[in-house]
Amino acid sequence: MLDNRLPAPSRNDFRGYNLNPAVEGAPPVAGARPWTFYLQRHCMVNIALNQIVTTFSTMRLLIVPLLIASLLIGSFSCSPAIPTHEIKRLNKLESALAPYILPPKFDEERVKHFNLRNERISKLAEILEPHDIKLQVSEQALQQSFPINGLSNFTIQRTVDLCVRNIDGCWLYHDKTVFVAMDPSEFDQALQKKYEHKLALSLLKNQQRRQIGQIEMGVARLPMKVLIYIRFGGLPENLKLDNISWQDTPLKEIFSDLESAARKELDKNAKNTEIESIDNFEMTLLLEDDEVYERKKSYHFKNSSIDSIISTICRENQLHSSGHSATDEQFYIVPMHPSILIGLGSHIN
């Protein structure tokens, strides 16, 4: 029976009819199946197949992230327990760092909005002085302006840290005073030593947190090459040295030689390429008095990148390095187990 609710051309779309009747003037005969019927049917099959393919492609786009998410969730739920010694090490580093940063209560109170437009670093006094904390800023730091308009809803500790970072400076807490400078050399000798401890312990604490994070990730943790790519983006080939070696040489001298060799290679590359390169490559040994730097070692590297050389030396001598030769002017080296941590309780003098 025909569906009279629709216009004639749309009735019973899936039924064939004869568009060319044998008798002139005769109406189309329902049920007749000329070649146009098969053509119509072929088109319908193609449309159906296209819909299936499109649906499958869409499902694939949805399924892939779902599979990845399921893998991550599964790995999180099955991730191994963090070893107790890893937690103890993190707690020890945080306790050792505590005297050089603001007290714990400053990690709780938040600053709703801190306007930095047309301001100087001295504005930090507004959030420190109400807590009886003094602010002392070097002349060079006072001349700096902020590249951002403000900060919102950060803790006081984090607000201080971000403000100083935004002027590329450094800061230290000591004797109820926050000291801010553009370079540690602007501090007096005693404060320079304390700042070196703060920087070394901060690097070790951040490294320990990454270590614990990798353990928590379990099988889903990302390879180091991927982590480097995420952090730095597509990097040029690492700076390489053709041939460098040492025989029974203290580590302190090895790193000094390596710094000089890297600078020479950077100067040579700068003359042969238009690509912007690092101008002032420096390798700083933090906690330089630590006995680990006096160890005598022998190495021979051929056609190796600066990063791989540093990584090898650090790995074999329980040192931690921070930096990347393709992006950073400053490399920091710090002992993984510095003597200042040995036998410490909740604080260091």
Protein backbone atom coordinates (compact mmCIF):
# COMPACT_ATOMS: atom_id res chain seq x y z
CA MET A 1 0.00 0.00 0.00
CA LEU A 2 1.40 3.43 -0.90
CA ASP A 3 2.10 5.99 1.79
CA ASN A 4 -0.18 8.93 0.88
CA ARG A 5 1.28 11.17 3.55
CA LEU A 6 4.30 12.03 1.44
CA PRO A 7 4.47 13.69 -1.99
CA ALA A 8 4.27 11.25 -4.86
CA PRO A 9 7.98 11.20 -5.75
CA SER A 10 8.83 10.29 -2.14
CA ARG A 11 6.32 7.52 -1.60
CA ASN A 12 7.80 4.13 -0.82
CA ASP A 13 11.29 5.18 -1.84
CA PHE A 14 12.61 1.65 -1.54
CA ARG A 15 10.09 0.20 -4.06
CA GLY A 16 11.02 0.15 -7.75
CA TYR A 17 8.70 1.26 -10.50
CA ASN A 18 8.83 1.38 -14.29
CA LEU A 19 9.75 4.82 -15.55
CA ASN A 20 9.30 3.77 -19.21
CA PRO A 21 5.94 1.97 -19.62
CA ALA A 22 5.42 -0.07 -22.78
CA VAL A 23 2.04 1.52 -23.51
CA GLU A 24 2.21 5.24 -24.23
CA GLY A 25 0.33 7.27 -21.64
CA ALA A 26 0.18 4.36 -19.19
CA PRO A 27 1.10 5.22 -15.62
CA PRO A 28 4.20 3.69 -14.01
CA VAL A 29 3.60 0.14 -12.93
CA ALA A 30 4.48 -0.62 -9.32
CA GLY A 31 6.80 -3.61 -8.89
CA ALA A 32 8.46 -3.37 -12.33
CA ARG A 33 12.29 -3.41 -12.15
CA PRO A 34 14.12 -1.89 -15.09
CA TRP A 35 17.92 -1.12 -15.07
CA THR A 36 17.29 2.09 -13.15
CA PHE A 37 16.20 0.02 -10.19
CA TYR A 38 19.57 -1.71 -10.02
CA LEU A 39 21.37 1.59 -10.50
CA GLN A 40 19.38 3.04 -7.63
CA ARG A 41 20.13 0.00 -5.52
CA HIS A 42 23.86 0.23 -6.32
CA CYS A 43 23.90 3.90 -5.23
CA MET A 44 22.14 3.01 -2.01
CA VAL A 45 24.72 0.30 -1.26
CA ASN A 46 27.56 2.78 -1.88
CA ILE A 47 25.92 5.31 0.44
CA ALA A 48 25.53 2.67 3.12
CA LEU A 49 29.18 1.59 2.75
CA ASN A 50 30.35 5.19 2.97
CA GLN A 51 28.33 5.65 6.14
CA ILE A 52 29.91 2.53 7.62
CA VAL A 53 33.44 3.70 6.74
CA THR A 54 32.77 7.17 8.12
CA THR A 55 31.32 5.71 11.30
CA PHE A 56 34.32 3.39 11.68
CA SER A 57 36.77 6.28 11.20
CA THR A 58 34.95 8.33 13.79
CA MET A 59 34.89 5.41 16.19
CA ARG A 60 38.61 4.87 15.64
CA LEU A 61 39.33 8.49 16.56
CA LEU A 62 37.33 8.01 19.74
CA ILE A 63 38.64 4.54 20.57
CA VAL A 64 42.37 5.39 20.37
CA PRO A 65 42.31 8.01 23.15
CA LEU A 66 40.00 5.80 25.17
CA LEU A 67 42.48 2.93 24.90
CA ILE A 68 45.33 5.20 25.96
CA ALA A 69 43.29 6.52 28.87
CA SER A 70 42.38 2.96 29.89
CA LEU A 71 46.06 2.00 29.77
CA LEU A 72 47.02 4.95 31.94
CA ILE A 73 44.18 4.35 34.41
CA GLY A 74 45.10 0.68 34.56
CA SER A 75 48.74 1.47 35.15
CA PHE A 76 47.87 3.98 37.86
CA SER A 77 45.67 1.47 39.64
CA CYS A 78 48.40 -1.16 39.35
CA SER A 79 51.32 1.19 39.97
CA PRO A 80 53.83 -0.09 42.51
CA ALA A 81 53.98 1.31 46.01
CA ILE A 82 56.58 4.02 46.48
CA PRO A 83 59.53 2.64 48.46
CA THR A 84 59.82 4.07 51.95
CA HIS A 85 63.40 5.22 51.40
CA GLU A 86 62.28 7.41 48.45
CA ILE A 87 59.71 9.17 50.64
CA LYS A 88 62.25 9.57 53.46
CA ARG A 89 64.75 11.10 51.06
CA LEU A 90 62.18 13.63 49.81
CA ASN A 91 61.25 14.54 53.39
CA LYS A 92 64.90 14.97 54.29
CA LEU A 93 65.52 17.26 51.31
CA GLU A 94 62.46 19.36 52.13
CA SER A 95 63.59 19.68 55.77
CA ALA A 96 67.09 20.70 54.66
CA LEU A 97 65.63 23.29 52.27
CA ALA A 98 63.19 24.75 54.81
CA PRO A 99 65.56 27.33 56.42
CA TYR A 100 66.16 29.00 53.04
CA ILE A 101 62.53 29.57 52.05
CA LEU A 102 59.56 31.17 53.80
CA PRO A 103 58.03 29.25 56.75
CA PRO A 104 55.30 26.65 56.03
CA LYS A 105 52.42 29.01 56.88
CA PHE A 106 53.26 31.00 53.74
CA ASP A 107 52.39 27.91 51.71
CA GLU A 108 48.81 28.11 53.00
CA GLU A 109 47.69 31.74 52.77
CA ARG A 110 46.84 32.81 49.21
CA VAL A 111 47.04 36.20 47.50
CA LYS A 112 43.80 36.72 45.58
CA HIS A 113 45.27 39.20 43.13
CA PHE A 114 48.71 40.76 43.01
CA ASN A 115 48.89 43.58 40.49
CA LEU A 116 52.33 43.94 38.83
CA ARG A 117 51.49 46.41 36.08
CA ASN A 118 54.04 49.26 36.11
CA GLU A 119 55.40 47.91 39.41
CA ARG A 120 58.86 46.90 40.70
CA ILE A 121 59.97 43.93 42.79
CA SER A 122 59.75 46.12 45.91
CA LYS A 123 55.97 45.62 45.75
CA LEU A 124 56.54 42.27 47.49
CA ALA A 125 56.79 44.24 50.71
CA GLU A 126 53.00 44.65 50.62
CA ILE A 127 52.45 40.93 51.27
CA LEU A 128 55.53 40.34 53.46
CA GLU A 129 55.57 43.23 55.94
CA PRO A 130 52.13 42.41 57.44
CA HIS A 131 53.78 39.14 58.55
CA ASP A 132 56.83 40.91 60.03
CA ILE A 133 59.00 39.80 57.12
CA LYS A 134 61.44 42.40 55.77
CA LEU A 135 62.36 42.78 52.10
CA GLN A 136 65.86 43.66 50.93
CA VAL A 137 66.39 44.15 47.18
CA SER A 138 69.62 44.82 45.28
CA GLU A 139 69.96 47.94 43.13
CA GLN A 140 70.00 45.92 39.91
CA ALA A 141 66.86 44.03 40.90
CA LEU A 142 65.06 47.29 41.71
CA GLN A 143 65.56 48.46 38.13
CA GLN A 144 63.70 45.49 36.63
CA SER A 145 60.09 45.62 35.44
CA PHE A 146 57.63 42.76 35.18
CA PRO A 147 56.67 41.22 31.81
CA ILE A 148 53.26 40.25 33.22
CA ASN A 149 50.35 42.28 34.60
CA GLY A 150 49.76 40.29 37.75
CA LEU A 151 49.37 37.00 39.61
CA SER A 152 46.19 35.57 41.10
CA ASN A 153 45.34 32.99 43.75
CA PHE A 154 48.89 31.81 44.48
CA THR A 155 50.25 31.22 47.96
CA ILE A 156 52.52 33.91 49.37
CA GLN A 157 55.51 31.59 48.95
CA ARG A 158 54.63 30.92 45.33
CA THR A 159 53.88 34.59 44.65
CA VAL A 160 57.33 35.60 45.88
CA ASP A 161 58.98 32.87 43.83
CA LEU A 162 57.09 33.71 40.62
CA CYS A 163 57.73 37.45 40.96
CA VAL A 164 61.47 36.86 41.28
CA ARG A 165 61.44 34.37 38.40
CA ASN A 166 59.72 36.93 36.20
CA ILE A 167 62.63 39.33 36.55
CA ASP A 168 65.14 36.44 36.10
CA GLY A 169 66.43 37.02 39.60
CA CYS A 170 67.16 34.93 42.69
CA TRP A 171 65.92 35.09 46.27
CA LEU A 172 66.68 33.74 49.70
CA TYR A 173 64.98 33.82 53.11
CA HIS A 174 67.14 34.37 56.17
CA ASP A 175 66.61 35.90 59.59
CA LYS A 176 63.04 37.06 58.87
CA THR A 177 64.18 38.79 55.68
CA VAL A 178 63.65 38.01 52.00
CA PHE A 179 66.75 38.94 49.98
CA VAL A 180 66.29 39.51 46.23
CA ALA A 181 69.06 40.01 43.65
CA MET A 182 69.65 39.56 39.95
CA ASP A 183 72.69 37.35 40.57
CA PRO A 184 73.96 35.51 43.68
CA SER A 185 77.20 37.50 43.47
CA GLU A 186 75.21 40.53 44.68
CA PHE A 187 74.72 38.81 48.05
CA ASP A 188 77.41 39.02 50.72
CA GLN A 189 79.65 35.98 51.11
CA ALA A 190 77.59 34.37 53.87
CA LEU A 191 74.35 34.74 51.90
CA GLN A 192 76.02 33.43 48.75
CA LYS A 193 76.86 30.21 50.58
CA LYS A 194 73.31 29.89 51.85
CA TYR A 195 71.87 30.56 48.40
CA GLU A 196 74.13 27.87 46.93
CA HIS A 197 72.72 25.42 49.48
CA LYS A 198 69.19 26.51 48.61
CA LEU A 199 69.74 26.04 44.88
CA ALA A 200 71.42 22.66 45.29
CA LEU A 201 68.71 21.35 47.60
CA SER A 202 65.96 22.71 45.32
CA LEU A 203 67.42 20.85 42.33
CA LEU A 204 67.72 17.65 44.34
CA LYS A 205 64.17 18.00 45.70
CA ASN A 206 62.73 18.52 42.21
CA GLN A 207 64.71 15.56 40.91
CA GLN A 208 63.45 13.39 43.76
CA ARG A 209 59.84 14.42 43.03
CA ARG A 210 60.32 13.42 39.38
CA GLN A 211 61.80 10.13 40.52
CA ILE A 212 58.74 9.41 42.70
CA GLY A 213 56.44 10.52 39.86
CA GLN A 214 58.09 8.03 37.53
CA ILE A 215 57.60 5.25 40.08
CA GLU A 216 53.93 6.20 40.45
CA MET A 217 53.47 6.11 36.67
CA GLY A 218 54.77 2.55 36.55
CA VAL A 219 54.64 1.00 33.08
CA ALA A 220 53.00 4.12 31.69
CA ARG A 221 55.98 6.37 32.41
CA LEU A 222 57.30 8.20 29.39
CA PRO A 223 60.80 7.60 28.02
CA MET A 224 63.33 10.34 28.77
CA LYS A 225 63.57 11.28 25.08
CA VAL A 226 59.83 11.95 25.03
CA LEU A 227 60.01 13.97 28.24
CA ILE A 228 62.83 16.08 26.79
CA TYR A 229 60.83 16.62 23.58
CA ILE A 230 57.75 17.68 25.57
CA ARG A 231 59.80 20.09 27.65
CA PHE A 232 61.95 21.64 24.93
CA GLY A 233 60.12 20.87 21.66
CA GLY A 234 62.00 19.84 18.53
CA LEU A 235 65.65 20.36 19.41
CA PRO A 236 68.61 20.70 17.07
CA GLU A 237 71.26 18.02 17.31
CA ASN A 238 73.10 18.20 20.61
CA LEU A 239 76.47 19.92 20.71
CA LYS A 240 79.14 17.28 20.06
CA LEU A 241 82.85 16.98 20.78
CA ASP A 242 85.05 15.04 18.38
CA ASN A 243 87.56 13.74 20.86
CA ILE A 244 88.17 14.45 24.55
CA SER A 245 89.82 12.36 27.28
CA TRP A 246 91.17 12.48 30.83
CA GLN A 247 93.55 10.21 32.74
CA ASP A 248 93.41 10.08 36.57
CA THR A 249 91.98 13.60 36.71
CA PRO A 250 89.86 15.03 39.56
CA LEU A 251 86.22 15.50 38.59
CA LYS A 252 86.50 19.23 39.35
CA GLU A 253 89.13 19.59 36.60
CA ILE A 254 87.20 17.33 34.22
CA PHE A 255 84.13 19.57 34.39
CA SER A 256 86.29 22.67 33.97
CA ASP A 257 87.91 21.22 30.84
CA LEU A 258 84.52 20.17 29.54
CA GLU A 259 83.15 23.69 29.99
CA SER A 260 86.08 25.17 28.03
CA ALA A 261 85.73 22.59 25.24
CA ALA A 262 82.00 23.28 24.96
CA ARG A 263 82.59 27.03 24.71
CA LYS A 264 85.14 26.57 21.92
CA GLU A 265 82.74 24.33 20.01
CA LEU A 266 79.92 26.86 20.44
CA ASP A 267 82.16 29.67 19.14
CA LYS A 268 83.11 27.56 16.12
CA ASN A 269 79.49 26.69 15.38
CA ALA A 270 78.41 30.32 15.73
CA LYS A 271 80.84 31.34 12.95
CA ASN A 272 79.62 28.62 10.58
CA THR A 273 75.87 28.98 11.02
CA GLU A 274 73.26 31.69 11.18
CA ILE A 275 71.27 29.78 13.82
CA GLU A 276 71.17 31.60 17.15
CA SER A 277 73.36 29.80 19.65
CA ILE A 278 74.09 30.01 23.37
CA ASP A 279 76.40 32.92 24.15
CA ASN A 280 77.62 32.20 27.69
CA PHE A 281 77.77 28.47 28.38
CA GLU A 282 78.62 27.86 32.04
CA MET A 283 78.95 24.73 34.13
CA THR A 284 78.56 25.42 37.85
CA LEU A 285 79.53 22.86 40.47
CA LEU A 286 77.22 23.40 43.42
CA LEU A 287 78.53 22.49 46.87
CA GLU A 288 82.01 22.62 45.35
CA ASP A 289 83.69 21.67 48.63
CA ASP A 290 82.05 18.23 48.56
CA GLU A 291 84.63 15.46 48.48
CA VAL A 292 83.02 13.83 45.44
CA TYR A 293 84.63 16.45 43.17
CA GLU A 294 88.10 15.36 44.29
CA ARG A 295 87.70 11.83 42.93
CA LYS A 296 90.16 11.03 40.16
CA LYS A 297 88.66 9.48 37.05
CA SER A 298 89.67 8.46 33.54
CA TYR A 299 87.39 8.96 30.52
CA HIS A 300 87.62 8.94 26.75
CA PHE A 301 84.77 10.22 24.58
CA LYS A 302 84.71 10.32 20.80
CA ASN A 303 82.06 12.13 18.75
CA SER A 304 79.82 12.40 21.83
CA SER A 305 77.33 15.11 22.76
CA ILE A 306 77.92 17.36 25.75
CA ASP A 307 74.70 16.04 27.29
CA SER A 308 75.73 12.39 26.97
CA ILE A 309 79.22 13.10 28.40
CA ILE A 310 77.77 14.92 31.41
CA SER A 311 75.12 12.25 31.86
CA THR A 312 77.73 9.45 31.84
CA ILE A 313 80.05 11.17 34.31
CA CYS A 314 77.18 12.09 36.64
CA ARG A 315 75.63 8.63 36.55
CA GLU A 316 78.93 6.93 37.46
CA ASN A 317 79.66 9.34 40.31
CA GLN A 318 76.19 9.83 41.84
CA LEU A 319 75.87 13.41 40.64
CA HIS A 320 72.76 15.19 39.39
CA SER A 321 72.88 17.54 36.39
CA SER A 322 70.36 20.19 35.41
CA GLY A 323 70.35 21.76 31.96
CA HIS A 324 70.46 21.00 28.24
CA SER A 325 73.23 22.05 25.86
CA ALA A 326 70.79 23.03 23.11
CA THR A 327 68.71 25.38 25.24
CA ASP A 328 70.41 26.36 28.49
CA GLU A 329 73.37 28.65 29.08
CA GLN A 330 73.77 27.28 32.57
CA PHE A 331 74.51 23.69 33.59
CA TYR A 332 74.32 22.87 37.31
CA ILE A 333 76.04 19.84 38.82
CA VAL A 334 75.19 18.79 42.36
CA PRO A 335 76.07 15.67 44.41
CA MET A 336 73.12 13.34 44.86
CA HIS A 337 74.12 12.71 48.48
CA PRO A 338 75.91 15.89 49.61
CA SER A 339 77.69 15.92 52.93
CA ILE A 340 75.34 18.66 54.19
CA LEU A 341 72.54 16.05 54.29
CA ILE A 342 74.44 13.47 56.32
CA GLY A 343 73.20 13.20 59.89
CA LEU A 344 70.70 16.03 59.51
CA GLY A 345 67.50 16.13 61.48
CA SER A 346 64.69 18.54 60.67
CA HIS A 347 66.99 21.49 59.90
CA ILE A 348 70.54 22.51 59.09
CA ASN A 349 72.56 25.32 60.60
